[in-house]
């Protein structure tokens, strides 16, 4: 029972802190907008054109695939380090995890995400 009280107090205080930070952001922001504040800052140089340019979706696809397999290595590191101590069940879980990621890679290949041109 004591743990539930501590957990509920922690959740309430966390939500209260988040709400206070959001309110503080609205209170401390600049209210008056000027054209100078609306321009893009480029190291003191007057902007030539709009900073919002369109990127090709292929760059985004490569970034997502990189992040998926980068995070995969982070999650597989503990399995590699503590292989003997984890036992057979953890090794089976690691193989299931790898197979799911391989299915994702096969899906990406079939959807031609990894084709550059």
N, C-alpha and C. Protein backbone atom coordinates (compact mmCIF):
# COMPACT_ATOMS: atom_id res chain seq x y z
N UNK A 1 0.82 -1.19 0.00
CA UNK A 1 0.00 0.00 0.00
C UNK A 1 0.87 1.27 0.00
N UNK A 2 1.97 1.18 0.77
CA UNK A 2 2.87 2.33 0.86
C UNK A 2 3.48 2.66 -0.51
N UNK A 3 3.78 1.62 -1.30
CA UNK A 3 4.35 1.83 -2.62
C UNK A 3 3.38 2.54 -3.55
N UNK A 4 2.10 2.19 -3.45
CA UNK A 4 1.09 2.83 -4.29
C UNK A 4 0.93 4.30 -3.95
N UNK A 5 1.02 4.63 -2.66
CA UNK A 5 0.94 6.03 -2.25
C UNK A 5 2.13 6.80 -2.80
N UNK A 6 3.32 6.23 -2.69
CA UNK A 6 4.52 6.90 -3.22
C UNK A 6 4.44 7.06 -4.73
N UNK A 7 3.95 6.02 -5.41
CA UNK A 7 3.81 6.09 -6.86
C UNK A 7 2.80 7.15 -7.26
N UNK A 8 1.68 7.21 -6.58
CA UNK A 8 0.66 8.22 -6.93
C UNK A 8 1.15 9.63 -6.64
N UNK A 9 1.88 9.82 -5.54
CA UNK A 9 2.45 11.15 -5.25
C UNK A 9 3.46 11.52 -6.33
N UNK A 10 4.28 10.57 -6.77
CA UNK A 10 5.26 10.83 -7.82
C UNK A 10 4.57 11.22 -9.12
N UNK A 11 3.51 10.50 -9.49
CA UNK A 11 2.80 10.81 -10.73
C UNK A 11 2.14 12.18 -10.66
N UNK A 12 1.54 12.49 -9.52
CA UNK A 12 0.88 13.81 -9.36
C UNK A 12 1.91 14.93 -9.42
N UNK A 13 3.03 14.76 -8.73
CA UNK A 13 4.06 15.80 -8.75
C UNK A 13 4.68 15.95 -10.14
N UNK A 14 4.85 14.84 -10.85
CA UNK A 14 5.39 14.92 -12.21
C UNK A 14 4.45 15.67 -13.14
N UNK A 15 3.17 15.36 -13.07
CA UNK A 15 2.18 16.06 -13.90
C UNK A 15 2.11 17.53 -13.53
N UNK A 16 2.18 17.82 -12.24
CA UNK A 16 2.15 19.22 -11.80
C UNK A 16 3.38 19.97 -12.29
N UNK A 17 4.55 19.35 -12.22
CA UNK A 17 5.77 19.98 -12.70
C UNK A 17 5.70 20.24 -14.20
N UNK A 18 5.19 19.28 -14.97
CA UNK A 18 5.05 19.46 -16.41
C UNK A 18 4.09 20.60 -16.72
N UNK A 19 2.98 20.67 -16.00
CA UNK A 19 2.02 21.75 -16.21
C UNK A 19 2.63 23.10 -15.87
N UNK A 20 3.40 23.16 -14.80
CA UNK A 20 4.05 24.42 -14.42
C UNK A 20 5.04 24.87 -15.48
N UNK A 21 5.79 23.93 -16.07
CA UNK A 21 6.74 24.28 -17.11
C UNK A 21 6.05 24.79 -18.37
N UNK A 22 4.92 24.20 -18.71
CA UNK A 22 4.16 24.67 -19.88
C UNK A 22 3.63 26.07 -19.64
N UNK A 23 3.08 26.32 -18.45
CA UNK A 23 2.57 27.66 -18.12
C UNK A 23 3.71 28.66 -18.08
N UNK A 24 4.86 28.28 -17.54
CA UNK A 24 6.01 29.18 -17.49
C UNK A 24 6.48 29.53 -18.89
N UNK A 25 6.42 28.59 -19.81
CA UNK A 25 6.80 28.88 -21.19
C UNK A 25 5.88 29.90 -21.83
N UNK A 26 4.57 29.79 -21.56
CA UNK A 26 3.64 30.78 -22.10
C UNK A 26 3.79 32.13 -21.44
N UNK A 27 4.10 32.17 -20.16
CA UNK A 27 4.24 33.44 -19.45
C UNK A 27 5.50 34.17 -19.89
N UNK A 28 6.59 33.44 -20.12
CA UNK A 28 7.89 34.06 -20.43
C UNK A 28 8.11 34.34 -21.91
N UNK A 29 7.21 33.96 -22.78
CA UNK A 29 7.45 34.16 -24.20
C UNK A 29 7.24 35.63 -24.60
N UNK A 30 7.84 35.97 -25.73
CA UNK A 30 7.66 37.31 -26.26
C UNK A 30 6.25 37.44 -26.82
N UNK A 31 5.61 38.51 -26.47
CA UNK A 31 4.24 38.72 -26.94
C UNK A 31 4.20 39.49 -28.26
N UNK A 32 5.16 40.38 -28.44
CA UNK A 32 5.14 41.28 -29.59
C UNK A 32 5.96 40.67 -30.73
N UNK A 33 5.31 40.39 -31.84
CA UNK A 33 6.00 39.84 -33.00
C UNK A 33 6.32 40.96 -33.97
N UNK A 34 7.58 40.97 -34.41
CA UNK A 34 8.01 41.94 -35.39
C UNK A 34 8.55 41.19 -36.60
N UNK A 35 8.62 41.86 -37.75
CA UNK A 35 9.19 41.18 -38.93
C UNK A 35 10.63 40.71 -38.71
N UNK A 36 11.38 41.44 -37.91
CA UNK A 36 12.77 41.05 -37.65
C UNK A 36 12.83 39.74 -36.85
N UNK A 37 11.92 39.59 -35.89
CA UNK A 37 11.89 38.36 -35.10
C UNK A 37 11.38 37.17 -35.90
N UNK A 38 10.65 37.42 -36.94
CA UNK A 38 10.08 36.35 -37.75
C UNK A 38 11.05 35.83 -38.81
N UNK A 39 12.14 36.55 -39.08
CA UNK A 39 13.08 36.12 -40.13
C UNK A 39 13.97 35.00 -39.62
N UNK A 40 14.56 34.28 -40.54
CA UNK A 40 15.49 33.21 -40.21
C UNK A 40 16.84 33.81 -39.88
N UNK A 41 17.44 33.35 -38.80
CA UNK A 41 18.76 33.84 -38.40
C UNK A 41 19.83 33.04 -39.11
N UNK A 42 20.68 33.71 -39.86
CA UNK A 42 21.77 33.05 -40.58
C UNK A 42 23.09 33.73 -40.26
N UNK A 43 23.48 33.68 -39.02
CA UNK A 43 24.79 34.19 -38.56
C UNK A 43 25.00 35.66 -38.90
N UNK A 44 24.00 36.46 -38.80
CA UNK A 44 24.13 37.87 -39.05
C UNK A 44 24.01 38.28 -40.50
N UNK A 45 23.91 37.32 -41.42
CA UNK A 45 23.78 37.61 -42.83
C UNK A 45 22.30 37.70 -43.16
N UNK A 46 21.95 38.64 -44.00
CA UNK A 46 20.56 38.78 -44.41
C UNK A 46 20.14 37.55 -45.21
N UNK A 47 19.02 36.92 -44.84
CA UNK A 47 18.61 35.72 -45.57
C UNK A 47 18.30 36.00 -47.03
N UNK A 48 18.73 35.11 -47.90
CA UNK A 48 18.51 35.28 -49.33
C UNK A 48 17.17 34.71 -49.75
N UNK A 49 16.85 33.52 -49.24
CA UNK A 49 15.59 32.88 -49.59
C UNK A 49 15.03 32.18 -48.36
N UNK A 50 13.90 31.54 -48.51
CA UNK A 50 13.25 30.87 -47.40
C UNK A 50 14.08 29.69 -46.92
N UNK A 51 14.18 29.50 -45.60
CA UNK A 51 14.97 28.42 -45.04
C UNK A 51 14.27 27.08 -45.11
N UNK A 52 12.97 27.10 -45.32
CA UNK A 52 12.21 25.85 -45.39
C UNK A 52 12.25 25.30 -46.81
N UNK A 53 13.11 24.33 -47.03
CA UNK A 53 13.20 23.73 -48.35
C UNK A 53 12.66 22.31 -48.27
N UNK A 54 12.23 21.79 -49.39
CA UNK A 54 11.69 20.44 -49.44
C UNK A 54 12.83 19.46 -49.68
N UNK A 55 12.85 18.41 -48.84
CA UNK A 55 13.81 17.33 -49.01
C UNK A 55 13.12 16.16 -49.68
N UNK A 56 13.88 15.40 -50.40
CA UNK A 56 13.35 14.20 -51.03
C UNK A 56 13.03 13.17 -49.94
N UNK A 57 11.95 12.45 -50.10
CA UNK A 57 11.51 11.48 -49.11
C UNK A 57 12.50 10.34 -48.95
N UNK A 58 13.34 10.11 -49.94
CA UNK A 58 14.32 9.03 -49.84
C UNK A 58 15.30 9.27 -48.70
N UNK A 59 15.67 10.53 -48.45
CA UNK A 59 16.56 10.82 -47.33
C UNK A 59 15.91 10.43 -46.01
N UNK A 60 14.63 10.71 -45.88
CA UNK A 60 13.89 10.36 -44.68
C UNK A 60 13.84 8.84 -44.51
N UNK A 61 13.61 8.11 -45.59
CA UNK A 61 13.55 6.65 -45.51
C UNK A 61 14.90 6.07 -45.07
N UNK A 62 15.99 6.60 -45.60
CA UNK A 62 17.30 6.13 -45.18
C UNK A 62 17.54 6.43 -43.71
N UNK A 63 17.12 7.59 -43.26
CA UNK A 63 17.31 7.95 -41.86
C UNK A 63 16.51 7.03 -40.95
N UNK A 64 15.29 6.71 -41.32
CA UNK A 64 14.48 5.81 -40.51
C UNK A 64 15.09 4.42 -40.46
N UNK A 65 15.53 3.91 -41.60
CA UNK A 65 16.16 2.59 -41.62
C UNK A 65 17.43 2.58 -40.77
N UNK A 66 18.22 3.66 -40.84
CA UNK A 66 19.42 3.74 -40.02
C UNK A 66 19.07 3.73 -38.54
N UNK A 67 18.06 4.50 -38.15
CA UNK A 67 17.69 4.54 -36.74
C UNK A 67 17.18 3.19 -36.25
N UNK A 68 16.42 2.50 -37.08
CA UNK A 68 15.91 1.19 -36.68
C UNK A 68 17.07 0.25 -36.38
N UNK A 69 18.04 0.17 -37.25
CA UNK A 69 19.12 -0.77 -37.05
C UNK A 69 20.17 -0.25 -36.08
N UNK A 70 20.23 1.04 -35.86
CA UNK A 70 21.10 1.58 -34.83
C UNK A 70 20.54 1.25 -33.45
N UNK A 71 19.25 1.41 -33.27
CA UNK A 71 18.62 1.07 -32.00
C UNK A 71 18.67 -0.43 -31.77
N UNK A 72 18.62 -1.20 -32.84
CA UNK A 72 18.73 -2.66 -32.71
C UNK A 72 20.04 -3.05 -32.04
N UNK A 73 21.12 -2.44 -32.43
CA UNK A 73 22.40 -2.79 -31.83
C UNK A 73 22.45 -2.40 -30.35
N UNK A 74 21.79 -1.31 -30.00
CA UNK A 74 21.76 -0.91 -28.59
C UNK A 74 20.99 -1.93 -27.77
N UNK A 75 19.88 -2.44 -28.28
CA UNK A 75 19.10 -3.42 -27.54
C UNK A 75 19.76 -4.79 -27.51
N UNK A 76 20.56 -5.11 -28.50
CA UNK A 76 21.20 -6.42 -28.52
C UNK A 76 22.50 -6.46 -27.72
N UNK A 77 23.04 -5.33 -27.35
CA UNK A 77 24.29 -5.30 -26.60
C UNK A 77 24.20 -6.05 -25.26
N UNK A 78 23.15 -5.83 -24.44
CA UNK A 78 23.07 -6.59 -23.18
C UNK A 78 22.99 -8.10 -23.40
N UNK A 79 22.34 -8.54 -24.46
CA UNK A 79 22.30 -9.97 -24.74
C UNK A 79 23.69 -10.51 -25.04
N UNK A 80 24.48 -9.73 -25.73
CA UNK A 80 25.83 -10.19 -26.07
C UNK A 80 26.73 -10.20 -24.84
N UNK A 81 26.57 -9.24 -23.96
CA UNK A 81 27.44 -9.15 -22.79
C UNK A 81 27.10 -10.21 -21.75
N UNK A 82 25.80 -10.40 -21.49
CA UNK A 82 25.38 -11.33 -20.43
C UNK A 82 24.77 -12.61 -20.99
N UNK A 83 25.34 -13.10 -22.06
CA UNK A 83 24.78 -14.29 -22.73
C UNK A 83 24.75 -15.50 -21.80
N UNK A 84 25.81 -15.74 -21.05
CA UNK A 84 25.86 -16.92 -20.18
C UNK A 84 24.93 -16.79 -18.99
N UNK A 85 24.75 -15.61 -18.47
CA UNK A 85 23.94 -15.43 -17.27
C UNK A 85 22.44 -15.38 -17.59
N UNK A 86 22.06 -15.06 -18.80
CA UNK A 86 20.64 -14.89 -19.12
C UNK A 86 19.91 -16.21 -19.33
N UNK A 87 20.56 -17.16 -19.88
CA UNK A 87 19.91 -18.45 -20.09
C UNK A 87 19.30 -18.57 -21.47
N UNK A 88 18.66 -19.70 -21.68
CA UNK A 88 18.13 -20.04 -23.00
C UNK A 88 16.94 -19.16 -23.38
N UNK A 89 16.09 -18.82 -22.42
CA UNK A 89 14.90 -18.03 -22.74
C UNK A 89 15.27 -16.65 -23.30
N UNK A 90 16.27 -16.00 -22.73
CA UNK A 90 16.69 -14.69 -23.21
C UNK A 90 17.32 -14.78 -24.59
N UNK A 91 18.02 -15.86 -24.84
CA UNK A 91 18.63 -16.03 -26.17
C UNK A 91 17.53 -16.23 -27.23
N UNK A 92 16.50 -16.98 -26.87
CA UNK A 92 15.37 -17.16 -27.79
C UNK A 92 14.69 -15.82 -28.04
N UNK A 93 14.53 -15.01 -27.00
CA UNK A 93 13.95 -13.66 -27.17
C UNK A 93 14.81 -12.81 -28.11
N UNK A 94 16.12 -12.91 -27.98
CA UNK A 94 17.01 -12.14 -28.85
C UNK A 94 16.85 -12.58 -30.30
N UNK A 95 16.72 -13.87 -30.54
CA UNK A 95 16.52 -14.34 -31.91
C UNK A 95 15.17 -13.91 -32.46
N UNK A 96 14.15 -13.88 -31.62
CA UNK A 96 12.84 -13.38 -32.06
C UNK A 96 12.95 -11.91 -32.43
N UNK A 97 13.68 -11.14 -31.61
CA UNK A 97 13.87 -9.72 -31.89
C UNK A 97 14.61 -9.51 -33.21
N UNK A 98 15.66 -10.29 -33.43
CA UNK A 98 16.42 -10.18 -34.67
C UNK A 98 15.56 -10.57 -35.86
N UNK A 99 14.75 -11.62 -35.70
CA UNK A 99 13.90 -12.03 -36.83
C UNK A 99 12.85 -10.98 -37.16
N UNK A 100 12.30 -10.30 -36.15
CA UNK A 100 11.35 -9.22 -36.43
C UNK A 100 12.03 -8.08 -37.18
N UNK A 101 13.26 -7.76 -36.80
CA UNK A 101 13.97 -6.71 -37.52
C UNK A 101 14.33 -7.14 -38.93
N UNK A 102 14.64 -8.40 -39.12
CA UNK A 102 14.91 -8.88 -40.47
C UNK A 102 13.64 -8.83 -41.32
N UNK A 103 12.49 -9.13 -40.71
CA UNK A 103 11.23 -8.99 -41.44
C UNK A 103 11.00 -7.53 -41.85
N UNK A 104 11.35 -6.60 -40.97
CA UNK A 104 11.26 -5.19 -41.32
C UNK A 104 12.19 -4.81 -42.45
N UNK A 105 13.39 -5.37 -42.44
CA UNK A 105 14.34 -5.12 -43.53
C UNK A 105 13.82 -5.69 -44.84
N UNK A 106 13.26 -6.90 -44.81
CA UNK A 106 12.70 -7.49 -46.02
C UNK A 106 11.54 -6.66 -46.53
N UNK A 107 10.71 -6.15 -45.62
CA UNK A 107 9.60 -5.28 -46.01
C UNK A 107 10.13 -4.01 -46.68
N UNK A 108 11.19 -3.44 -46.10
CA UNK A 108 11.79 -2.24 -46.69
C UNK A 108 12.38 -2.50 -48.06
N UNK A 109 12.97 -3.66 -48.25
CA UNK A 109 13.54 -4.01 -49.55
C UNK A 109 12.43 -4.19 -50.58
N UNK A 110 11.34 -4.86 -50.16
CA UNK A 110 10.23 -5.09 -51.09
C UNK A 110 9.53 -3.78 -51.46
N UNK A 111 9.48 -2.83 -50.55
CA UNK A 111 8.88 -1.53 -50.84
C UNK A 111 9.85 -0.58 -51.53
N UNK A 112 11.06 -1.07 -51.78
CA UNK A 112 12.12 -0.32 -52.48
C UNK A 112 12.53 0.94 -51.73
N UNK A 113 12.57 0.81 -50.41
CA UNK A 113 13.02 1.94 -49.58
C UNK A 113 14.51 2.16 -49.75
N UNK A 114 15.27 1.11 -49.94
CA UNK A 114 16.71 1.21 -50.00
C UNK A 114 17.26 1.48 -51.39
N UNK A 115 16.39 1.61 -52.36
CA UNK A 115 16.85 1.98 -53.72
C UNK A 115 17.11 3.48 -53.76
N UNK A 116 18.27 3.84 -54.26
CA UNK A 116 18.61 5.27 -54.29
C UNK A 116 17.93 5.98 -55.46
N UNK A 117 17.90 5.38 -56.60
CA UNK A 117 17.29 6.04 -57.75
C UNK A 117 16.04 5.33 -58.19
